[in-house]
Amino acid sequence: MVGLVVVSHSYTAAQGISEIAAEMAGETPIEPVGGDSDGGIGTVPDDIEAALAAADDGDGVVVLVDLGSAVMNTEVAIELSETEAAIADAPVLEGAVNAAVAATSPDATLGSVREQAEAARDVDKL
């Protein structure tokens, strides 16, 4: 099963987004990660790498990120990790929900889950 990681500068935000996505995720593993080592705002590559490992059951992990440096630190974490992972270029909440739904399919792949997360870019709210 493809896992998900939600990276935010705020652990509380990552946790909330993960909680919402989990409502649609079935058994899909979703790991929230965020904040700096002092509990403040930021992202830490080592923490992201640990979340990647926790979310991976062998089929890879799609990562949803909030802001610029989260992308950079996630790229570093993926390079350091043995987990196959891909960052989705998607709005973090809507993308996480789309990815969670897509990951429940028995035919889900890393590519198909990422694609569905990225489809959230085109969803109008009004």
Protein backbone atom coordinates (compact mmCIF):
# COMPACT_ATOMS: atom_id res chain seq x y z
CA MET A 1 0.00 0.00 0.00
CA VAL A 2 1.25 3.49 -0.87
CA GLY A 3 1.77 5.58 2.26
CA LEU A 4 1.44 9.32 2.79
CA VAL A 5 3.52 11.88 4.66
CA VAL A 6 2.23 15.38 5.40
CA VAL A 7 5.01 17.91 5.97
CA SER A 8 4.17 21.28 7.47
CA HIS A 9 6.13 23.95 9.26
CA SER A 10 3.67 23.37 12.10
CA TYR A 11 3.34 19.89 13.58
CA THR A 12 -0.17 20.82 14.69
CA ALA A 13 -1.13 21.69 11.10
CA ALA A 14 0.41 18.46 9.76
CA GLN A 15 -1.47 16.49 12.40
CA GLY A 16 -4.80 18.17 11.54
CA ILE A 17 -4.38 17.66 7.81
CA SER A 18 -3.47 14.03 8.41
CA GLU A 19 -6.53 13.60 10.63
CA ILE A 20 -8.84 14.91 7.89
CA ALA A 21 -7.20 12.76 5.19
CA ALA A 22 -7.38 9.69 7.45
CA GLU A 23 -11.17 9.91 7.33
CA MET A 24 -10.90 8.81 3.69
CA ALA A 25 -7.78 6.65 3.94
CA GLY A 26 -8.93 3.27 5.19
CA GLU A 27 -5.77 1.46 6.26
CA THR A 28 -3.43 3.81 4.38
CA PRO A 29 -0.55 4.86 6.62
CA ILE A 30 -0.38 8.65 7.03
CA GLU A 31 2.46 10.26 8.97
CA PRO A 32 2.37 13.93 10.00
CA VAL A 33 5.70 15.67 10.48
CA GLY A 34 6.67 19.25 11.15
CA GLY A 35 8.08 21.79 13.48
CA ASP A 36 11.71 22.27 14.44
CA SER A 37 13.66 20.36 17.09
CA ASP A 38 12.60 22.88 19.76
CA GLY A 39 8.89 22.50 18.99
CA GLY A 40 8.78 25.73 17.00
CA ILE A 41 7.95 26.45 13.39
CA GLY A 42 10.12 24.74 10.77
CA THR A 43 10.97 21.42 9.14
CA VAL A 44 13.83 19.00 9.81
CA PRO A 45 15.13 16.55 7.17
CA ASP A 46 15.87 13.82 9.75
CA ASP A 47 12.31 13.98 11.07
CA ILE A 48 10.93 13.82 7.52
CA GLU A 49 13.17 10.83 6.77
CA ALA A 50 11.82 9.04 9.85
CA ALA A 51 8.24 9.77 8.74
CA LEU A 52 9.00 8.37 5.29
CA ALA A 53 10.23 5.12 6.83
CA ALA A 54 7.20 4.92 9.14
CA ALA A 55 4.71 5.41 6.28
CA ASP A 56 6.37 2.97 3.89
CA ASP A 57 5.25 -0.63 3.71
CA GLY A 58 7.17 -1.30 0.51
CA ASP A 59 5.05 0.44 -2.14
CA GLY A 60 6.48 3.93 -1.64
CA VAL A 61 5.27 7.19 -0.13
CA VAL A 62 3.65 10.30 -1.55
CA VAL A 63 4.62 13.46 0.32
CA LEU A 64 2.44 16.56 0.63
CA VAL A 65 4.24 19.75 1.69
CA ASP A 66 3.11 23.21 2.75
CA LEU A 67 5.76 25.86 1.92
CA GLY A 68 9.10 26.37 0.17
CA SER A 69 11.66 25.13 2.68
CA ALA A 70 9.47 22.09 3.41
CA VAL A 71 10.05 21.12 -0.22
CA MET A 72 13.82 21.58 0.11
CA ASN A 73 14.03 19.63 3.37
CA THR A 74 11.80 16.88 1.97
CA GLU A 75 14.07 16.58 -1.07
CA VAL A 76 17.05 16.18 1.28
CA ALA A 77 15.17 13.57 3.32
CA ILE A 78 14.24 11.59 0.21
CA GLU A 79 17.87 11.60 -0.93
CA LEU A 80 18.98 10.28 2.47
CA SER A 81 16.18 7.72 2.74
CA GLU A 82 15.96 4.21 1.36
CA THR A 83 12.21 4.76 0.87
CA GLU A 84 10.91 5.33 -2.64
CA ALA A 85 9.07 8.63 -2.35
CA ALA A 86 7.67 11.43 -4.49
CA ILE A 87 6.62 14.95 -3.60
CA ALA A 88 3.21 15.90 -4.95
CA ASP A 89 2.93 19.40 -6.41
CA ALA A 90 -0.46 19.94 -4.82
CA PRO A 91 -2.29 22.00 -2.21
CA VAL A 92 -1.47 20.22 1.02
CA LEU A 93 -4.95 19.58 2.45
CA GLU A 94 -6.87 18.91 -0.75
CA GLY A 95 -3.96 16.91 -2.13
CA ALA A 96 -3.74 14.81 1.02
CA VAL A 97 -7.46 13.98 0.85
CA ASN A 98 -7.23 13.07 -2.85
CA ALA A 99 -4.12 10.97 -2.22
CA ALA A 100 -5.76 9.20 0.72
CA VAL A 101 -8.74 8.20 -1.44
CA ALA A 102 -6.48 7.09 -4.31
CA ALA A 103 -4.26 5.05 -1.99
CA THR A 104 -7.23 2.87 -0.97
CA SER A 105 -7.44 1.38 -4.46
CA PRO A 106 -5.99 -2.12 -4.74
CA ASP A 107 -4.36 -0.94 -7.98
CA ALA A 108 -2.75 2.15 -6.40
CA THR A 109 0.82 2.94 -7.37
CA LEU A 110 3.16 5.69 -6.29
CA GLY A 111 2.48 7.41 -9.61
CA SER A 112 -1.30 7.09 -9.51
CA VAL A 113 -1.55 8.38 -5.94
CA ARG A 114 0.73 11.32 -6.73
CA GLU A 115 -1.31 12.07 -9.86
CA GLN A 116 -4.55 12.20 -7.87
CA ALA A 117 -2.97 14.44 -5.23
CA GLU A 118 -1.83 16.82 -7.97
CA ALA A 119 -5.32 16.82 -9.53
CA ALA A 120 -6.39 18.85 -6.48
CA ARG A 121 -4.63 21.88 -8.00
CA ASP A 122 -7.49 22.24 -10.46
CA VAL A 123 -10.40 22.01 -8.02
CA ASP A 124 -12.37 25.23 -7.61
CA LYS A 125 -13.69 25.94 -4.14
CA LEU A 126 -16.47 28.24 -5.29
